[in-house]
Each structure stands twice: as C-alpha cells, then as structure tokens.
Amino acid sequence: MAYVITEPCIGTKDNSCVEVCPVDCIHPTPDEEGYEAAEMLFIDPDECIDCDACVEACPVDAIYPEDMVPPEFQKYIAMNAGFYKESQGTPG
C-alpha cells in the first residue's frame, strides 16, 4: 500500500511532505523541472514505504493511505501513479 496525494493539494504545493519524506518519493520538488507547471505534488507508489510522515506534515489534509482515499478522491490514486509512468516515458 502507498499513500496518495489528493485534491486539497491542488494550488497549495506546501512541500512540508517533501521535507519529511525519508525516501524522497514525493515530486516534483521546488528544484525540479516542471515544478511550477504542476498543479499538485504526487507520491510514487513504488517508492513509498508507508511511513506516514507525509500525512502528519500536510497542512491541508490531502494525503491518505491508498485503501482509505475517500470516494470523491479515488481518481487521484491513478493520477499519482500516472505521474510517475509519464515521467519515466512509460505509457500510463
């Protein structure tokens, strides 16, 4: 199971979650290409170690365990995974 960033992050991109992630699985970061264009941040489901640090750090309560994402935010599960498939050149 991984964590998923959802709609409340859109337009916020607070980066508190990026700072506390021990495996650097949240992108794009402020120093990465594409950061300014990105509406929100994304968690790489293959790299996430389920440590819960990002959940506590998020000031807008946008992060959920994948199996607890509310129904209205379910599409963000695929969006998080899709961000990493696209960035690796793999069809999403």
C-alpha atoms as a PDB file:
ATOM      1  CA  MET A   1       0.000   0.000   0.000  1.00  0.00           C
ATOM      2  CA  ALA A   2       1.144   3.530  -0.738  1.00  0.00           C
ATOM      3  CA  TYR A   3      -0.060   6.948   0.237  1.00  0.00           C
ATOM      4  CA  VAL A   4      -1.896   9.191  -2.215  1.00  0.00           C
ATOM      5  CA  ILE A   5      -1.995  12.970  -2.510  1.00  0.00           C
ATOM      6  CA  THR A   6      -5.465  14.247  -3.353  1.00  0.00           C
ATOM      7  CA  GLU A   7      -7.388  17.356  -4.421  1.00  0.00           C
ATOM      8  CA  PRO A   8      -6.707  19.629  -1.406  1.00  0.00           C
ATOM      9  CA  CYS A   9      -3.080  19.828  -2.593  1.00  0.00           C
ATOM     10  CA  ILE A  10      -4.075  21.464  -5.874  1.00  0.00           C
ATOM     11  CA  GLY A  11      -2.792  25.008  -5.851  1.00  0.00           C
ATOM     12  CA  THR A  12      -1.165  24.553  -2.445  1.00  0.00           C
ATOM     13  CA  LYS A  13       2.038  22.534  -3.016  1.00  0.00           C
ATOM     14  CA  ASP A  14       3.149  23.311   0.548  1.00  0.00           C
ATOM     15  CA  ASN A  15       6.204  20.987   0.346  1.00  0.00           C
ATOM     16  CA  SER A  16       6.082  20.079   4.046  1.00  0.00           C
ATOM     17  CA  CYS A  17       5.532  16.488   2.937  1.00  0.00           C
ATOM     18  CA  VAL A  18       8.558  16.618   0.644  1.00  0.00           C
ATOM     19  CA  GLU A  19      10.762  17.786   3.507  1.00  0.00           C
ATOM     20  CA  VAL A  20       9.808  14.899   5.818  1.00  0.00           C
ATOM     21  CA  CYS A  21       9.764  12.024   3.308  1.00  0.00           C
ATOM     22  CA  PRO A  22      12.662   9.689   4.176  1.00  0.00           C
ATOM     23  CA  VAL A  23      12.779   8.102   0.699  1.00  0.00           C
ATOM     24  CA  ASP A  24      12.226  11.199  -1.461  1.00  0.00           C
ATOM     25  CA  CYS A  25       9.187   9.730  -3.223  1.00  0.00           C
ATOM     26  CA  ILE A  26       7.180  12.981  -3.476  1.00  0.00           C
ATOM     27  CA  HIS A  27       7.625  15.046  -6.623  1.00  0.00           C
ATOM     28  CA  PRO A  28       8.028  17.411  -8.287  1.00  0.00           C
ATOM     29  CA  THR A  29      10.149  19.254  -5.752  1.00  0.00           C
ATOM     30  CA  PRO A  30      10.787  23.008  -5.995  1.00  0.00           C
ATOM     31  CA  ASP A  31      14.217  22.423  -7.542  1.00  0.00           C
ATOM     32  CA  GLU A  32      12.947  20.034 -10.253  1.00  0.00           C
ATOM     33  CA  GLU A  33      11.917  20.827 -13.781  1.00  0.00           C
ATOM     34  CA  GLY A  34       8.144  21.014 -14.089  1.00  0.00           C
ATOM     35  CA  TYR A  35       7.508  22.148 -10.531  1.00  0.00           C
ATOM     36  CA  GLU A  36       5.983  25.487 -11.491  1.00  0.00           C
ATOM     37  CA  ALA A  37       3.685  23.884 -14.079  1.00  0.00           C
ATOM     38  CA  ALA A  38       2.479  21.125 -11.754  1.00  0.00           C
ATOM     39  CA  GLU A  39      -0.842  21.826 -10.031  1.00  0.00           C
ATOM     40  CA  MET A  40      -0.031  19.490  -7.159  1.00  0.00           C
ATOM     41  CA  LEU A  41       2.520  17.031  -5.790  1.00  0.00           C
ATOM     42  CA  PHE A  42       2.490  13.266  -6.309  1.00  0.00           C
ATOM     43  CA  ILE A  43       3.674  10.225  -4.333  1.00  0.00           C
ATOM     44  CA  ASP A  44       5.456   7.448  -6.223  1.00  0.00           C
ATOM     45  CA  PRO A  45       3.543   4.291  -5.233  1.00  0.00           C
ATOM     46  CA  ASP A  46       6.550   2.067  -5.984  1.00  0.00           C
ATOM     47  CA  GLU A  47       8.907   4.054  -3.743  1.00  0.00           C
ATOM     48  CA  CYS A  48       6.568   4.913  -0.842  1.00  0.00           C
ATOM     49  CA  ILE A  49       7.415   2.950   2.313  1.00  0.00           C
ATOM     50  CA  ASP A  50       4.151   3.753   4.137  1.00  0.00           C
ATOM     51  CA  CYS A  51       5.887   5.608   6.939  1.00  0.00           C
ATOM     52  CA  ASP A  52       3.016   8.091   7.466  1.00  0.00           C
ATOM     53  CA  ALA A  53       5.365  11.081   7.858  1.00  0.00           C
ATOM     54  CA  CYS A  54       3.791  12.971   4.958  1.00  0.00           C
ATOM     55  CA  VAL A  55       0.275  12.625   6.378  1.00  0.00           C
ATOM     56  CA  GLU A  56       1.222  14.402   9.590  1.00  0.00           C
ATOM     57  CA  ALA A  57       3.157  17.104   7.724  1.00  0.00           C
ATOM     58  CA  CYS A  58       0.420  18.003   5.217  1.00  0.00           C
ATOM     59  CA  PRO A  59      -1.263  21.262   6.308  1.00  0.00           C
ATOM     60  CA  VAL A  60      -4.320  20.708   4.072  1.00  0.00           C
ATOM     61  CA  ASP A  61      -5.030  17.037   4.901  1.00  0.00           C
ATOM     62  CA  ALA A  62      -4.577  15.956   1.282  1.00  0.00           C
ATOM     63  CA  ILE A  63      -2.745  12.654   1.906  1.00  0.00           C
ATOM     64  CA  TYR A  64      -4.411   9.304   2.552  1.00  0.00           C
ATOM     65  CA  PRO A  65      -3.390   5.651   2.626  1.00  0.00           C
ATOM     66  CA  GLU A  66      -4.409   4.202  -0.742  1.00  0.00           C
ATOM     67  CA  ASP A  67      -7.050   1.967   0.811  1.00  0.00           C
ATOM     68  CA  MET A  68      -8.609   4.887   2.726  1.00  0.00           C
ATOM     69  CA  VAL A  69      -8.915   7.500  -0.028  1.00  0.00           C
ATOM     70  CA  PRO A  70     -12.439   8.961   0.190  1.00  0.00           C
ATOM     71  CA  PRO A  71     -14.765   8.120  -2.721  1.00  0.00           C
ATOM     72  CA  GLU A  72     -14.674  11.668  -4.077  1.00  0.00           C
ATOM     73  CA  PHE A  73     -10.875  11.496  -4.363  1.00  0.00           C
ATOM     74  CA  GLN A  74     -10.497   7.978  -5.834  1.00  0.00           C
ATOM     75  CA  LYS A  75      -9.297   9.306  -9.205  1.00  0.00           C
ATOM     76  CA  TYR A  76      -6.161  10.617  -7.501  1.00  0.00           C
ATOM     77  CA  ILE A  77      -4.877   7.077  -6.940  1.00  0.00           C
ATOM     78  CA  ALA A  78      -4.421   6.664 -10.697  1.00  0.00           C
ATOM     79  CA  MET A  79      -3.224  10.253 -11.082  1.00  0.00           C
ATOM     80  CA  ASN A  80      -0.374   9.714  -8.599  1.00  0.00           C
ATOM     81  CA  ALA A  81       0.744   6.502 -10.296  1.00  0.00           C
ATOM     82  CA  GLY A  82       0.252   8.034 -13.750  1.00  0.00           C
ATOM     83  CA  PHE A  83       2.541  10.945 -12.952  1.00  0.00           C
ATOM     84  CA  TYR A  84       5.435   8.521 -12.457  1.00  0.00           C
ATOM     85  CA  LYS A  85       4.638   6.417 -15.517  1.00  0.00           C
ATOM     86  CA  GLU A  86       4.607   9.541 -17.691  1.00  0.00           C
ATOM     87  CA  SER A  87       7.840  10.894 -16.208  1.00  0.00           C
ATOM     88  CA  GLN A  88       9.566   7.586 -16.940  1.00  0.00           C
ATOM     89  CA  GLY A  89       8.289   7.533 -20.521  1.00  0.00           C
ATOM     90  CA  THR A  90       6.064   4.536 -19.820  1.00  0.00           C
ATOM     91  CA  PRO A  91       2.556   4.714 -21.248  1.00  0.00           C
ATOM     92  CA  GLY A  92       0.118   5.427 -18.419  1.00  0.00           C
END
